[in-house]
Amino acid sequence: MRRRAFVFGTVAAAAATGAGTVWFRGAASAAAPDVKMYPRDEVLGSKDAPVTIIEYSSLTCGHCAAFHAETLPKLKETYIETGKVRLIFRDFPLGDLALVASMLPHCAGDGRYFGLLDVLFQSQATWAGNPDPLRELVKMARLAGMSKENVDACLRDRALLKDIQERAREGESVHGITGTPTFIINGKKIVGNLPWKDFEEEITTALAASGAG
């Protein structure tokens, strides 16, 4: 697990006040409390799923990349695509480079967020360890179909920057997030990239508590 105090980046000046948050009421269940949603929250799965998992992740975190490569495909096949789990992805960038990287998938276009996110996790060693990581990030975004104008505008988007920072601050204050990856499964905090067997046990317990097990 990548553990470090959250670093609020200096990539752009302080942003003007952004859009407020909205509330989404999920399936009625004592074990599935209402989840506070942000306008730019990215979601996989049905809003009616009995189990909601919030993932706090940093694009420069090796354990986060491992979760997306090894565990997420199984989670999708077994629980998300069957309507049992909804996954909400929230950026928790550890440092300026992760903050810049986290902005790009939000600008990739409709239905393309998780595609670019996966590309950035898969190529993490290539861009994060490069002497000029920003150039490599821009290259990845261009290869994913973003125009140069789109990339430039994205990296200047102060409202987007502020939204990402606000969600991370709330993760710290509400859930006590200090490192990545961290998961909130129907209100229970799970720290680190657990082996699939252990992660599945947590989901099974949450499903049982919701009455859907």
Protein backbone atom coordinates (compact mmCIF):
# COMPACT_ATOMS: atom_id res chain seq x y z
CA MET A 1 0.00 0.00 0.00
CA ARG A 2 1.21 3.49 -0.83
CA ARG A 3 0.96 5.51 2.38
CA ARG A 4 1.74 9.17 2.61
CA ALA A 5 0.03 12.38 3.57
CA PHE A 6 -2.03 13.73 0.67
CA VAL A 7 -0.18 16.41 -1.28
CA PHE A 8 -2.31 19.17 -2.77
CA GLY A 9 -0.58 20.05 -5.99
CA THR A 10 0.65 23.32 -7.39
CA VAL A 11 -0.08 22.55 -11.03
CA ALA A 12 -2.53 25.42 -11.22
CA ALA A 13 -3.57 28.41 -9.19
CA ALA A 14 -6.33 28.06 -6.61
CA ALA A 15 -9.58 27.38 -8.44
CA ALA A 16 -12.78 29.30 -8.22
CA THR A 17 -15.67 27.71 -6.35
CA GLY A 18 -16.82 24.63 -8.25
CA ALA A 19 -20.10 22.78 -8.52
CA GLY A 20 -21.65 21.44 -5.36
CA THR A 21 -22.10 17.82 -4.47
CA VAL A 22 -25.21 15.77 -5.10
CA TRP A 23 -26.68 12.91 -3.14
CA PHE A 24 -27.64 9.55 -4.59
CA ARG A 25 -29.90 7.13 -2.72
CA GLY A 26 -28.94 3.54 -3.42
CA ALA A 27 -30.88 0.35 -2.78
CA ALA A 28 -32.72 0.48 0.54
CA SER A 29 -30.69 -1.44 3.10
CA ALA A 30 -29.36 -0.89 6.59
CA ALA A 31 -25.97 -2.07 5.33
CA ALA A 32 -25.92 0.15 2.24
CA PRO A 33 -26.06 3.77 3.47
CA ASP A 34 -26.58 6.73 1.19
CA VAL A 35 -23.41 7.68 -0.65
CA LYS A 36 -22.44 11.29 -1.20
CA MET A 37 -21.74 11.65 -4.91
CA TYR A 38 -19.66 14.24 -6.73
CA PRO A 39 -20.41 15.49 -10.26
CA ARG A 40 -17.23 13.88 -11.61
CA ASP A 41 -17.45 10.57 -9.74
CA GLU A 42 -16.81 7.73 -12.18
CA VAL A 43 -18.95 4.63 -11.67
CA LEU A 44 -18.98 1.02 -12.81
CA GLY A 45 -22.13 -0.99 -12.17
CA SER A 46 -25.78 -0.52 -11.36
CA LYS A 47 -27.03 2.22 -9.06
CA ASP A 48 -29.33 -0.44 -7.55
CA ALA A 49 -26.49 -2.80 -6.58
CA PRO A 50 -26.77 -3.85 -2.91
CA VAL A 51 -23.06 -3.27 -2.32
CA THR A 52 -21.22 -0.03 -3.08
CA ILE A 53 -17.44 0.07 -3.11
CA ILE A 54 -15.66 3.43 -3.11
CA GLU A 55 -12.07 3.11 -4.31
CA TYR A 56 -9.53 5.78 -3.35
CA SER A 57 -6.54 5.43 -5.64
CA SER A 58 -3.45 7.24 -6.91
CA LEU A 59 -2.12 6.79 -10.43
CA THR A 60 1.47 6.73 -9.13
CA CYS A 61 0.69 3.92 -6.63
CA GLY A 62 2.08 0.53 -7.62
CA HIS A 63 -0.39 -1.38 -5.42
CA CYS A 64 -3.25 0.52 -7.09
CA ALA A 65 -1.95 -0.51 -10.50
CA ALA A 66 -1.80 -4.11 -9.29
CA PHE A 67 -5.42 -3.93 -8.10
CA HIS A 68 -6.55 -2.67 -11.52
CA ALA A 69 -4.55 -5.34 -13.34
CA GLU A 70 -5.30 -8.36 -11.15
CA THR A 71 -8.37 -7.81 -8.96
CA LEU A 72 -10.64 -5.42 -10.85
CA PRO A 73 -11.22 -7.78 -13.83
CA LYS A 74 -12.44 -10.48 -11.41
CA LEU A 75 -14.55 -7.94 -9.53
CA LYS A 76 -16.17 -6.83 -12.79
CA GLU A 77 -16.94 -10.34 -14.00
CA THR A 78 -18.17 -11.76 -10.69
CA TYR A 79 -19.96 -8.87 -9.04
CA ILE A 80 -20.24 -5.69 -11.09
CA GLU A 81 -21.59 -7.19 -14.31
CA THR A 82 -24.03 -9.34 -12.32
CA GLY A 83 -25.54 -6.29 -10.63
CA LYS A 84 -24.30 -7.08 -7.12
CA VAL A 85 -21.64 -4.38 -6.77
CA ARG A 86 -21.29 -0.77 -7.83
CA LEU A 87 -17.75 0.66 -7.88
CA ILE A 88 -17.17 4.40 -7.43
CA PHE A 89 -13.65 5.48 -8.36
CA ARG A 90 -12.21 8.51 -6.58
CA ASP A 91 -8.81 10.01 -7.18
CA PHE A 92 -6.54 10.36 -4.16
CA PRO A 93 -3.41 11.66 -5.86
CA LEU A 94 -0.21 11.30 -3.87
CA GLY A 95 1.80 14.22 -5.17
CA ASP A 96 1.73 16.64 -8.07
CA LEU A 97 2.49 14.08 -10.77
CA ALA A 98 -0.41 11.87 -9.70
CA LEU A 99 -2.66 14.93 -9.57
CA VAL A 100 -1.81 15.90 -13.15
CA ALA A 101 -2.25 12.32 -14.34
CA SER A 102 -5.64 12.02 -12.63
CA MET A 103 -7.01 14.96 -14.62
CA LEU A 104 -6.56 13.39 -18.05
CA PRO A 105 -9.09 10.51 -17.93
CA HIS A 106 -11.79 12.99 -16.90
CA CYS A 107 -11.26 14.75 -20.24
CA ALA A 108 -11.11 11.65 -22.43
CA GLY A 109 -14.75 11.86 -23.51
CA ASP A 110 -17.99 10.01 -22.83
CA GLY A 111 -17.49 6.37 -21.94
CA ARG A 112 -13.71 6.58 -22.22
CA TYR A 113 -12.73 7.41 -18.64
CA PHE A 114 -11.92 3.89 -17.46
CA GLY A 115 -10.22 3.05 -20.74
CA LEU A 116 -7.62 5.79 -20.32
CA LEU A 117 -7.37 5.12 -16.58
CA ASP A 118 -6.46 1.51 -17.32
CA VAL A 119 -3.88 2.60 -19.90
CA LEU A 120 -2.23 4.93 -17.37
CA PHE A 121 -2.12 2.22 -14.71
CA GLN A 122 -0.75 -0.33 -17.17
CA SER A 123 1.96 2.07 -18.38
CA GLN A 124 2.69 3.51 -14.93
CA ALA A 125 6.34 2.43 -14.94
CA THR A 126 6.86 4.09 -18.33
CA TRP A 127 5.58 7.58 -17.53
CA ALA A 128 6.00 7.84 -13.76
CA GLY A 129 9.66 6.87 -13.93
CA ASN A 130 10.47 8.99 -16.97
CA PRO A 131 12.73 12.08 -16.67
CA ASP A 132 9.95 14.02 -18.41
CA PRO A 133 6.78 12.40 -17.06
CA LEU A 134 4.46 15.15 -18.29
CA ARG A 135 5.58 14.61 -21.88
CA GLU A 136 4.91 10.88 -21.50
CA LEU A 137 1.47 11.52 -20.00
CA VAL A 138 0.56 13.77 -22.90
CA LYS A 139 1.78 11.10 -25.31
CA MET A 140 -0.43 8.48 -23.62
CA ALA A 141 -3.44 10.78 -23.79
CA ARG A 142 -2.82 11.51 -27.49
CA LEU A 143 -2.51 7.78 -28.24
CA ALA A 144 -5.83 7.29 -26.46
CA GLY A 145 -7.45 9.66 -28.95
CA MET A 146 -7.30 13.03 -27.19
CA SER A 147 -6.32 15.99 -29.35
CA LYS A 148 -3.47 18.30 -28.36
CA GLU A 149 -6.02 21.08 -27.79
CA ASN A 150 -8.09 18.78 -25.58
CA VAL A 151 -5.06 17.78 -23.51
CA ASP A 152 -3.89 21.38 -23.10
CA ALA A 153 -7.36 22.55 -22.07
CA CYS A 154 -7.68 19.65 -19.65
CA LEU A 155 -4.45 20.48 -17.85
CA ARG A 156 -5.58 24.12 -17.51
CA ASP A 157 -9.00 23.17 -16.14
CA ARG A 158 -9.02 24.73 -12.67
CA ALA A 159 -12.54 23.51 -11.85
CA LEU A 160 -11.48 19.92 -12.53
CA LEU A 161 -8.35 20.37 -10.43
CA LYS A 162 -10.40 21.74 -7.56
CA ASP A 163 -12.97 18.93 -7.78
CA ILE A 164 -10.25 16.28 -7.53
CA GLN A 165 -8.66 18.03 -4.56
CA GLU A 166 -11.99 18.46 -2.77
CA ARG A 167 -12.88 14.79 -3.13
CA ALA A 168 -9.49 13.80 -1.75
CA ARG A 169 -9.81 16.21 1.19
CA GLU A 170 -13.21 14.73 1.99
CA GLY A 171 -11.74 11.26 1.78
CA GLU A 172 -9.25 12.31 4.45
CA SER A 173 -11.78 14.02 6.71
CA VAL A 174 -14.71 11.60 6.39
CA HIS A 175 -13.03 8.22 5.89
CA GLY A 176 -9.56 8.89 7.29
CA ILE A 177 -7.87 8.03 3.99
CA THR A 178 -4.09 8.38 4.31
CA GLY A 179 -2.82 5.98 1.65
CA THR A 180 -3.79 4.06 -1.43
CA PRO A 181 -5.49 1.91 -2.38
CA THR A 182 -8.21 2.20 0.24
CA PHE A 183 -11.75 0.88 -0.23
CA ILE A 184 -15.00 1.68 1.51
CA ILE A 185 -17.31 -1.34 1.19
CA ASN A 186 -20.83 -0.41 2.35
CA GLY A 187 -19.24 1.89 4.92
CA LYS A 188 -16.42 -0.42 6.05
CA LYS A 189 -12.87 0.74 5.34
CA ILE A 190 -10.49 -1.80 3.80
CA VAL A 191 -6.86 -0.73 3.52
CA GLY A 192 -4.49 -2.04 0.88
CA ASN A 193 -4.62 -4.30 -2.16
CA LEU A 194 -5.98 -7.47 -0.58
CA PRO A 195 -5.60 -10.85 -2.27
CA TRP A 196 -8.72 -11.65 -4.31
CA LYS A 197 -9.88 -14.32 -1.83
CA ASP A 198 -9.84 -11.82 1.05
CA PHE A 199 -11.46 -9.08 -1.04
CA GLU A 200 -14.20 -11.50 -2.10
CA GLU A 201 -14.84 -12.44 1.53
CA GLU A 202 -15.46 -8.77 2.35
CA ILE A 203 -17.95 -8.49 -0.52
CA THR A 204 -19.70 -11.71 0.51
CA THR A 205 -20.07 -10.39 4.06
CA ALA A 206 -21.48 -7.07 2.77
CA LEU A 207 -23.92 -8.87 0.48
CA ALA A 208 -25.13 -11.03 3.36
CA ALA A 209 -25.61 -7.99 5.59
CA SER A 210 -27.62 -6.29 2.85
CA GLY A 211 -29.92 -9.28 2.55
CA ALA A 212 -28.70 -10.04 -0.98
CA GLY A 213 -26.14 -12.69 -0.09
